[in-house]
Amino acid sequence: MIGRLLLVILPLIGLMIGGYLGGLAVGLWTALGGFAVAFAVCSLSVLALVKARPSR
């Protein structure tokens, strides 16, 4: 659940902070970076769930 929320929250936070500190171009790059970090966290949580699945 937290990984899915991060996919929305981190890019928005990156866009706001980057836009405030460096303008629109920096805001878009930081939003892209926030999305990449959130995607990595989401992928790691899915990987952990797959590994925790009981074997057959």
PDB file of N, CA and C in Angstrom:
ATOM      1  N   MET A   1       0.820  -1.189   0.000  1.00  0.00           N
ATOM      2  CA  MET A   1       0.000   0.000   0.000  1.00  0.00           C
ATOM      3  C   MET A   1       0.865   1.254   0.000  1.00  0.00           C
ATOM      4  N   ILE A   2       1.890   1.274   0.830  1.00  0.00           N
ATOM      5  CA  ILE A   2       2.716   2.476   0.921  1.00  0.00           C
ATOM      6  C   ILE A   2       3.473   2.727  -0.384  1.00  0.00           C
ATOM      7  N   GLY A   3       3.864   1.662  -1.066  1.00  0.00           N
ATOM      8  CA  GLY A   3       4.561   1.826  -2.336  1.00  0.00           C
ATOM      9  C   GLY A   3       3.683   2.472  -3.390  1.00  0.00           C
ATOM     10  N   ARG A   4       2.411   2.112  -3.382  1.00  0.00           N
ATOM     11  CA  ARG A   4       1.488   2.713  -4.349  1.00  0.00           C
ATOM     12  C   ARG A   4       1.241   4.179  -4.047  1.00  0.00           C
ATOM     13  N   LEU A   5       1.145   4.522  -2.783  1.00  0.00           N
ATOM     14  CA  LEU A   5       0.968   5.931  -2.425  1.00  0.00           C
ATOM     15  C   LEU A   5       2.200   6.749  -2.784  1.00  0.00           C
ATOM     16  N   LEU A   6       3.365   6.140  -2.621  1.00  0.00           N
ATOM     17  CA  LEU A   6       4.592   6.855  -2.958  1.00  0.00           C
ATOM     18  C   LEU A   6       4.667   7.179  -4.441  1.00  0.00           C
ATOM     19  N   LEU A   7       4.042   6.367  -5.292  1.00  0.00           N
ATOM     20  CA  LEU A   7       4.047   6.641  -6.731  1.00  0.00           C
ATOM     21  C   LEU A   7       3.349   7.959  -7.063  1.00  0.00           C
ATOM     22  N   VAL A   8       2.474   8.406  -6.187  1.00  0.00           N
ATOM     23  CA  VAL A   8       1.790   9.677  -6.391  1.00  0.00           C
ATOM     24  C   VAL A   8       2.446  10.784  -5.578  1.00  0.00           C
ATOM     25  N   ILE A   9       2.805  10.472  -4.343  1.00  0.00           N
ATOM     26  CA  ILE A   9       3.265  11.502  -3.416  1.00  0.00           C
ATOM     27  C   ILE A   9       4.677  12.010  -3.753  1.00  0.00           C
ATOM     28  N   LEU A  10       5.628  11.103  -3.990  1.00  0.00           N
ATOM     29  CA  LEU A  10       7.005  11.542  -4.230  1.00  0.00           C
ATOM     30  C   LEU A  10       7.176  12.410  -5.474  1.00  0.00           C
ATOM     31  N   PRO A  11       6.557  12.081  -6.615  1.00  0.00           N
ATOM     32  CA  PRO A  11       6.688  12.999  -7.747  1.00  0.00           C
ATOM     33  C   PRO A  11       6.082  14.376  -7.482  1.00  0.00           C
ATOM     34  N   LEU A  12       4.978  14.413  -6.758  1.00  0.00           N
ATOM     35  CA  LEU A  12       4.374  15.715  -6.450  1.00  0.00           C
ATOM     36  C   LEU A  12       5.253  16.536  -5.523  1.00  0.00           C
ATOM     37  N   ILE A  13       5.837  15.879  -4.531  1.00  0.00           N
ATOM     38  CA  ILE A  13       6.743  16.585  -3.627  1.00  0.00           C
ATOM     39  C   ILE A  13       7.970  17.079  -4.395  1.00  0.00           C
ATOM     40  N   GLY A  14       8.521  16.225  -5.263  1.00  0.00           N
ATOM     41  CA  GLY A  14       9.661  16.626  -6.073  1.00  0.00           C
ATOM     42  C   GLY A  14       9.336  17.788  -6.988  1.00  0.00           C
ATOM     43  N   LEU A  15       8.155  17.775  -7.580  1.00  0.00           N
ATOM     44  CA  LEU A  15       7.741  18.866  -8.451  1.00  0.00           C
ATOM     45  C   LEU A  15       7.614  20.175  -7.682  1.00  0.00           C
ATOM     46  N   MET A  16       7.038  20.109  -6.488  1.00  0.00           N
ATOM     47  CA  MET A  16       6.872  21.330  -5.692  1.00  0.00           C
ATOM     48  C   MET A  16       8.212  21.888  -5.235  1.00  0.00           C
ATOM     49  N   ILE A  17       9.062  21.020  -4.690  1.00  0.00           N
ATOM     50  CA  ILE A  17      10.356  21.495  -4.186  1.00  0.00           C
ATOM     51  C   ILE A  17      11.245  21.963  -5.328  1.00  0.00           C
ATOM     52  N   GLY A  18      11.330  21.164  -6.406  1.00  0.00           N
ATOM     53  CA  GLY A  18      12.147  21.556  -7.544  1.00  0.00           C
ATOM     54  C   GLY A  18      11.643  22.814  -8.218  1.00  0.00           C
ATOM     55  N   GLY A  19      10.343  22.953  -8.335  1.00  0.00           N
ATOM     56  CA  GLY A  19       9.776  24.155  -8.926  1.00  0.00           C
ATOM     57  C   GLY A  19      10.041  25.384  -8.085  1.00  0.00           C
ATOM     58  N   TYR A  20      10.016  25.215  -6.787  1.00  0.00           N
ATOM     59  CA  TYR A  20      10.276  26.340  -5.889  1.00  0.00           C
ATOM     60  C   TYR A  20      11.743  26.751  -5.936  1.00  0.00           C
ATOM     61  N   LEU A  21      12.626  25.768  -5.953  1.00  0.00           N
ATOM     62  CA  LEU A  21      14.058  26.067  -5.893  1.00  0.00           C
ATOM     63  C   LEU A  21      14.676  26.411  -7.245  1.00  0.00           C
ATOM     64  N   GLY A  22      14.167  25.824  -8.339  1.00  0.00           N
ATOM     65  CA  GLY A  22      14.863  26.034  -9.591  1.00  0.00           C
ATOM     66  C   GLY A  22      14.007  26.281 -10.803  1.00  0.00           C
ATOM     67  N   GLY A  23      12.725  26.406 -10.668  1.00  0.00           N
ATOM     68  CA  GLY A  23      11.879  26.654 -11.818  1.00  0.00           C
ATOM     69  C   GLY A  23      11.237  25.382 -12.346  1.00  0.00           C
ATOM     70  N   LEU A  24      10.573  25.528 -13.476  1.00  0.00           N
ATOM     71  CA  LEU A  24       9.782  24.442 -14.028  1.00  0.00           C
ATOM     72  C   LEU A  24      10.642  23.272 -14.496  1.00  0.00           C
ATOM     73  N   ALA A  25      11.732  23.549 -15.173  1.00  0.00           N
ATOM     74  CA  ALA A  25      12.575  22.464 -15.689  1.00  0.00           C
ATOM     75  C   ALA A  25      13.139  21.614 -14.551  1.00  0.00           C
ATOM     76  N   VAL A  26      13.626  22.253 -13.516  1.00  0.00           N
ATOM     77  CA  VAL A  26      14.154  21.518 -12.359  1.00  0.00           C
ATOM     78  C   VAL A  26      13.030  20.776 -11.653  1.00  0.00           C
ATOM     79  N   GLY A  27      11.869  21.379 -11.587  1.00  0.00           N
ATOM     80  CA  GLY A  27      10.724  20.718 -10.975  1.00  0.00           C
ATOM     81  C   GLY A  27      10.335  19.444 -11.699  1.00  0.00           C
ATOM     82  N   LEU A  28      10.359  19.479 -13.025  1.00  0.00           N
ATOM     83  CA  LEU A  28      10.030  18.274 -13.790  1.00  0.00           C
ATOM     84  C   LEU A  28      11.081  17.189 -13.597  1.00  0.00           C
ATOM     85  N   TRP A  29      12.352  17.568 -13.544  1.00  0.00           N
ATOM     86  CA  TRP A  29      13.415  16.575 -13.326  1.00  0.00           C
ATOM     87  C   TRP A  29      13.325  15.960 -11.930  1.00  0.00           C
ATOM     88  N   THR A  30      13.035  16.767 -10.936  1.00  0.00           N
ATOM     89  CA  THR A  30      12.910  16.213  -9.587  1.00  0.00           C
ATOM     90  C   THR A  30      11.652  15.364  -9.456  1.00  0.00           C
ATOM     91  N   ALA A  31      10.591  15.710 -10.177  1.00  0.00           N
ATOM     92  CA  ALA A  31       9.395  14.859 -10.184  1.00  0.00           C
ATOM     93  C   ALA A  31       9.712  13.513 -10.819  1.00  0.00           C
ATOM     94  N   LEU A  32      10.500  13.513 -11.887  1.00  0.00           N
ATOM     95  CA  LEU A  32      10.908  12.270 -12.522  1.00  0.00           C
ATOM     96  C   LEU A  32      11.783  11.448 -11.582  1.00  0.00           C
ATOM     97  N   GLY A  33      12.679  12.106 -10.863  1.00  0.00           N
ATOM     98  CA  GLY A  33      13.502  11.413  -9.874  1.00  0.00           C
ATOM     99  C   GLY A  33      12.670  10.837  -8.742  1.00  0.00           C
ATOM    100  N   GLY A  34      11.673  11.574  -8.288  1.00  0.00           N
ATOM    101  CA  GLY A  34      10.773  11.079  -7.251  1.00  0.00           C
ATOM    102  C   GLY A  34       9.988   9.875  -7.723  1.00  0.00           C
ATOM    103  N   PHE A  35       9.577   9.891  -8.988  1.00  0.00           N
ATOM    104  CA  PHE A  35       8.863   8.742  -9.526  1.00  0.00           C
ATOM    105  C   PHE A  35       9.777   7.524  -9.604  1.00  0.00           C
ATOM    106  N   ALA A  36      11.030   7.737  -9.984  1.00  0.00           N
ATOM    107  CA  ALA A  36      11.982   6.619 -10.070  1.00  0.00           C
ATOM    108  C   ALA A  36      12.219   5.992  -8.696  1.00  0.00           C
ATOM    109  N   VAL A  37      12.372   6.823  -7.689  1.00  0.00           N
ATOM    110  CA  VAL A  37      12.566   6.312  -6.320  1.00  0.00           C
ATOM    111  C   VAL A  37      11.316   5.565  -5.853  1.00  0.00           C
ATOM    112  N   ALA A  38      10.148   6.127  -6.110  1.00  0.00           N
ATOM    113  CA  ALA A  38       8.907   5.472  -5.710  1.00  0.00           C
ATOM    114  C   ALA A  38       8.713   4.151  -6.447  1.00  0.00           C
ATOM    115  N   PHE A  39       9.078   4.104  -7.718  1.00  0.00           N
ATOM    116  CA  PHE A  39       8.966   2.867  -8.480  1.00  0.00           C
ATOM    117  C   PHE A  39       9.902   1.802  -7.925  1.00  0.00           C
ATOM    118  N   ALA A  40      11.097   2.213  -7.506  1.00  0.00           N
ATOM    119  CA  ALA A  40      12.041   1.262  -6.909  1.00  0.00           C
ATOM    120  C   ALA A  40      11.495   0.709  -5.596  1.00  0.00           C
ATOM    121  N   VAL A  41      10.923   1.554  -4.765  1.00  0.00           N
ATOM    122  CA  VAL A  41      10.346   1.104  -3.490  1.00  0.00           C
ATOM    123  C   VAL A  41       9.181   0.154  -3.743  1.00  0.00           C
ATOM    124  N   CYS A  42       8.342   0.476  -4.709  1.00  0.00           N
ATOM    125  CA  CYS A  42       7.209  -0.382  -5.047  1.00  0.00           C
ATOM    126  C   CYS A  42       7.700  -1.728  -5.575  1.00  0.00           C
ATOM    127  N   SER A  43       8.721  -1.709  -6.402  1.00  0.00           N
ATOM    128  CA  SER A  43       9.272  -2.955  -6.952  1.00  0.00           C
ATOM    129  C   SER A  43       9.879  -3.825  -5.856  1.00  0.00           C
ATOM    130  N   LEU A  44      10.571  -3.201  -4.920  1.00  0.00           N
ATOM    131  CA  LEU A  44      11.156  -3.968  -3.823  1.00  0.00           C
ATOM    132  C   LEU A  44      10.088  -4.598  -2.941  1.00  0.00           C
ATOM    133  N   SER A  45       8.991  -3.899  -2.714  1.00  0.00           N
ATOM    134  CA  SER A  45       7.927  -4.474  -1.891  1.00  0.00           C
ATOM    135  C   SER A  45       7.251  -5.639  -2.617  1.00  0.00           C
ATOM    136  N   VAL A  46       7.076  -5.526  -3.915  1.00  0.00           N
ATOM    137  CA  VAL A  46       6.498  -6.640  -4.679  1.00  0.00           C
ATOM    138  C   VAL A  46       7.456  -7.828  -4.668  1.00  0.00           C
ATOM    139  N   LEU A  47       8.743  -7.572  -4.828  1.00  0.00           N
ATOM    140  CA  LEU A  47       9.736  -8.636  -4.796  1.00  0.00           C
ATOM    141  C   LEU A  47       9.741  -9.344  -3.435  1.00  0.00           C
ATOM    142  N   ALA A  48       9.608  -8.590  -2.358  1.00  0.00           N
ATOM    143  CA  ALA A  48       9.565  -9.184  -1.022  1.00  0.00           C
ATOM    144  C   ALA A  48       8.320 -10.052  -0.850  1.00  0.00           C
ATOM    145  N   LEU A  49       7.192  -9.606  -1.390  1.00  0.00           N
ATOM    146  CA  LEU A  49       5.974 -10.415  -1.300  1.00  0.00           C
ATOM    147  C   LEU A  49       6.101 -11.708  -2.103  1.00  0.00           C
ATOM    148  N   VAL A  50       6.738 -11.646  -3.251  1.00  0.00           N
ATOM    149  CA  VAL A  50       6.923 -12.846  -4.063  1.00  0.00           C
ATOM    150  C   VAL A  50       7.848 -13.834  -3.358  1.00  0.00           C
ATOM    151  N   LYS A  51       8.908 -13.339  -2.749  1.00  0.00           N
ATOM    152  CA  LYS A  51       9.833 -14.222  -2.041  1.00  0.00           C
ATOM    153  C   LYS A  51       9.215 -14.793  -0.775  1.00  0.00           C
ATOM    154  N   ALA A  52       8.281 -14.087  -0.164  1.00  0.00           N
ATOM    155  CA  ALA A  52       7.655 -14.565   1.072  1.00  0.00           C
ATOM    156  C   ALA A  52       6.542 -15.571   0.812  1.00  0.00           C
ATOM    157  N   ARG A  53       6.160 -15.723  -0.435  1.00  0.00           N
ATOM    158  CA  ARG A  53       5.103 -16.681  -0.791  1.00  0.00           C
ATOM    159  C   ARG A  53       5.573 -18.090  -0.481  1.00  0.00           C
ATOM    160  N   PRO A  54       4.737 -18.891   0.121  1.00  0.00           N
ATOM    161  CA  PRO A  54       5.134 -20.277   0.417  1.00  0.00           C
ATOM    162  C   PRO A  54       5.405 -21.059  -0.875  1.00  0.00           C
ATOM    163  N   SER A  55       6.412 -21.907  -0.825  1.00  0.00           N
ATOM    164  CA  SER A  55       6.732 -22.699  -2.007  1.00  0.00           C
ATOM    165  C   SER A  55       5.731 -23.834  -2.171  1.00  0.00           C
ATOM    166  N   ARG A  56       5.635 -24.314  -3.376  1.00  0.00           N
ATOM    167  CA  ARG A  56       4.643 -25.366  -3.663  1.00  0.00           C
ATOM    168  C   ARG A  56       5.272 -26.708  -3.661  1.00  0.00           C
TER     169      ARG A  56
END
